[in-house]
Amino acid sequence: MDVNEIPDEYAWMLHGRCRGADTREFFPSNGVGVEAAQRVCRGCDVREACLEYALQNHIEQGVWGGASERERRRILRGRRRAARGLPMSAEPLEAQHVS
């Protein structure tokens, strides 16, 4: 598939700071690796789109949009609670969505 043939819904992927990086950096086996991947994500123009992609597609592994697996589970749990009309968890909003 040519770059010009990429569907619009995935076009954001072409603009990620991680494009061309070693994918192993974003699928670390330890917390230190997560922090390194998150540093790449900080300041990425498509960070929000990347995070939403991972959340909507229930991607369980790796760092996406600057969020680890644990952080994405927390975000999804908060969204489910909100959809049911329940209060968000007691933790601050910024802890639920990495800025």
C-alpha atoms as a PDB file:
ATOM      1  CA  MET A   1       0.000   0.000   0.000  1.00  0.00           C
ATOM      2  CA  ASP A   2       1.347   3.404  -0.970  1.00  0.00           C
ATOM      3  CA  VAL A   3       1.320   6.272   1.573  1.00  0.00           C
ATOM      4  CA  ASN A   4      -1.168   8.065  -0.686  1.00  0.00           C
ATOM      5  CA  GLU A   5      -3.560   5.118  -0.335  1.00  0.00           C
ATOM      6  CA  ILE A   6      -3.844   5.227   3.460  1.00  0.00           C
ATOM      7  CA  PRO A   7      -7.465   5.687   4.560  1.00  0.00           C
ATOM      8  CA  ASP A   8      -8.182   9.072   6.165  1.00  0.00           C
ATOM      9  CA  GLU A   9      -8.958   7.458   9.520  1.00  0.00           C
ATOM     10  CA  TYR A  10      -5.303   6.361   9.775  1.00  0.00           C
ATOM     11  CA  ALA A  11      -3.663   9.421   8.181  1.00  0.00           C
ATOM     12  CA  TRP A  12      -2.710  10.775  11.621  1.00  0.00           C
ATOM     13  CA  MET A  13      -0.228   7.896  11.930  1.00  0.00           C
ATOM     14  CA  LEU A  14       1.965   9.488   9.282  1.00  0.00           C
ATOM     15  CA  HIS A  15       2.582  12.483  11.557  1.00  0.00           C
ATOM     16  CA  GLY A  16       3.537  10.765  14.806  1.00  0.00           C
ATOM     17  CA  ARG A  17       6.886  11.545  16.425  1.00  0.00           C
ATOM     18  CA  CYS A  18       7.301   7.782  16.741  1.00  0.00           C
ATOM     19  CA  ARG A  19       7.113   7.230  12.986  1.00  0.00           C
ATOM     20  CA  GLY A  20      10.248   5.394  11.956  1.00  0.00           C
ATOM     21  CA  ALA A  21      11.270   4.683  15.546  1.00  0.00           C
ATOM     22  CA  ASP A  22      12.061   1.200  16.783  1.00  0.00           C
ATOM     23  CA  THR A  23       8.649  -0.218  17.741  1.00  0.00           C
ATOM     24  CA  ARG A  24      10.243  -2.078  20.656  1.00  0.00           C
ATOM     25  CA  GLU A  25      10.568   1.306  22.388  1.00  0.00           C
ATOM     26  CA  PHE A  26       6.780   1.495  22.633  1.00  0.00           C
ATOM     27  CA  PHE A  27       6.256  -2.050  23.872  1.00  0.00           C
ATOM     28  CA  PRO A  28       8.605  -2.050  26.874  1.00  0.00           C
ATOM     29  CA  SER A  29       8.822  -4.809  29.435  1.00  0.00           C
ATOM     30  CA  ASN A  30       9.536  -2.480  32.352  1.00  0.00           C
ATOM     31  CA  GLY A  31       8.525   0.888  33.795  1.00  0.00           C
ATOM     32  CA  VAL A  32      11.714   2.584  32.634  1.00  0.00           C
ATOM     33  CA  GLY A  33      10.815   1.745  29.057  1.00  0.00           C
ATOM     34  CA  VAL A  34       7.342   3.206  29.515  1.00  0.00           C
ATOM     35  CA  GLU A  35       8.832   6.518  30.627  1.00  0.00           C
ATOM     36  CA  ALA A  36      11.156   6.601  27.616  1.00  0.00           C
ATOM     37  CA  ALA A  37       8.245   6.009  25.241  1.00  0.00           C
ATOM     38  CA  GLN A  38       6.154   8.656  26.988  1.00  0.00           C
ATOM     39  CA  ARG A  39       8.955  11.190  26.470  1.00  0.00           C
ATOM     40  CA  VAL A  40       8.691  10.601  22.717  1.00  0.00           C
ATOM     41  CA  CYS A  41       4.925  11.141  22.925  1.00  0.00           C
ATOM     42  CA  ARG A  42       5.132  14.460  24.795  1.00  0.00           C
ATOM     43  CA  GLY A  43       4.764  17.205  22.233  1.00  0.00           C
ATOM     44  CA  CYS A  44       3.589  14.866  19.478  1.00  0.00           C
ATOM     45  CA  ASP A  45       1.008  16.583  17.278  1.00  0.00           C
ATOM     46  CA  VAL A  46      -1.136  13.437  16.973  1.00  0.00           C
ATOM     47  CA  ARG A  47      -0.971  12.289  20.574  1.00  0.00           C
ATOM     48  CA  GLU A  48      -4.713  12.630  21.200  1.00  0.00           C
ATOM     49  CA  ALA A  49      -5.626  10.799  17.994  1.00  0.00           C
ATOM     50  CA  CYS A  50      -3.177   8.043  18.897  1.00  0.00           C
ATOM     51  CA  LEU A  51      -4.616   7.647  22.390  1.00  0.00           C
ATOM     52  CA  GLU A  52      -8.184   7.600  21.067  1.00  0.00           C
ATOM     53  CA  TYR A  53      -7.213   4.976  18.492  1.00  0.00           C
ATOM     54  CA  ALA A  54      -5.826   2.736  21.232  1.00  0.00           C
ATOM     55  CA  LEU A  55      -8.862   3.280  23.455  1.00  0.00           C
ATOM     56  CA  GLN A  56     -11.426   2.695  20.726  1.00  0.00           C
ATOM     57  CA  ASN A  57      -9.639  -0.425  19.489  1.00  0.00           C
ATOM     58  CA  HIS A  58      -8.986  -1.786  22.988  1.00  0.00           C
ATOM     59  CA  ILE A  59      -5.262  -2.106  22.371  1.00  0.00           C
ATOM     60  CA  GLU A  60      -3.881  -3.661  25.506  1.00  0.00           C
ATOM     61  CA  GLN A  61      -0.121  -3.591  24.947  1.00  0.00           C
ATOM     62  CA  GLY A  62       2.340  -0.773  24.552  1.00  0.00           C
ATOM     63  CA  VAL A  63       2.396   2.983  24.979  1.00  0.00           C
ATOM     64  CA  TRP A  64      -0.124   4.802  22.792  1.00  0.00           C
ATOM     65  CA  GLY A  65      -0.752   8.523  22.908  1.00  0.00           C
ATOM     66  CA  GLY A  66       1.583   8.756  25.871  1.00  0.00           C
ATOM     67  CA  ALA A  67      -0.500   6.363  27.979  1.00  0.00           C
ATOM     68  CA  SER A  68       0.630   3.015  29.319  1.00  0.00           C
ATOM     69  CA  GLU A  69      -1.625  -0.037  29.439  1.00  0.00           C
ATOM     70  CA  ARG A  70      -2.541   0.751  33.046  1.00  0.00           C
ATOM     71  CA  GLU A  71      -3.340   4.392  32.247  1.00  0.00           C
ATOM     72  CA  ARG A  72      -5.544   3.417  29.307  1.00  0.00           C
ATOM     73  CA  ARG A  73      -7.449   0.919  31.467  1.00  0.00           C
ATOM     74  CA  ARG A  74      -8.018   3.703  34.013  1.00  0.00           C
ATOM     75  CA  ILE A  75      -9.302   6.060  31.305  1.00  0.00           C
ATOM     76  CA  LEU A  76     -11.681   3.415  29.927  1.00  0.00           C
ATOM     77  CA  ARG A  77     -12.926   2.563  33.412  1.00  0.00           C
ATOM     78  CA  GLY A  78     -13.631   6.258  34.037  1.00  0.00           C
ATOM     79  CA  ARG A  79     -15.490   6.572  30.744  1.00  0.00           C
ATOM     80  CA  ARG A  80     -17.641   3.528  31.536  1.00  0.00           C
ATOM     81  CA  ARG A  81     -18.483   4.994  34.954  1.00  0.00           C
ATOM     82  CA  ALA A  82     -19.362   8.338  33.398  1.00  0.00           C
ATOM     83  CA  ALA A  83     -21.561   6.652  30.787  1.00  0.00           C
ATOM     84  CA  ARG A  84     -23.511   4.977  33.601  1.00  0.00           C
ATOM     85  CA  GLY A  85     -23.878   8.305  35.390  1.00  0.00           C
ATOM     86  CA  LEU A  86     -21.505   7.321  38.182  1.00  0.00           C
ATOM     87  CA  PRO A  87     -18.946   9.743  39.544  1.00  0.00           C
ATOM     88  CA  MET A  88     -15.431   9.538  38.191  1.00  0.00           C
ATOM     89  CA  SER A  89     -12.910   7.932  40.483  1.00  0.00           C
ATOM     90  CA  ALA A  90     -11.469   9.911  43.363  1.00  0.00           C
ATOM     91  CA  GLU A  91      -8.163  10.505  41.581  1.00  0.00           C
ATOM     92  CA  PRO A  92      -7.586  13.818  39.816  1.00  0.00           C
ATOM     93  CA  LEU A  93      -8.583  14.070  36.161  1.00  0.00           C
ATOM     94  CA  GLU A  94      -4.999  14.779  35.065  1.00  0.00           C
ATOM     95  CA  ALA A  95      -3.977  11.411  36.509  1.00  0.00           C
ATOM     96  CA  GLN A  96      -6.626   9.732  34.371  1.00  0.00           C
ATOM     97  CA  HIS A  97      -5.501  11.291  31.088  1.00  0.00           C
ATOM     98  CA  VAL A  98      -1.807  11.909  30.664  1.00  0.00           C
ATOM     99  CA  SER A  99      -1.192  15.395  29.265  1.00  0.00           C
END
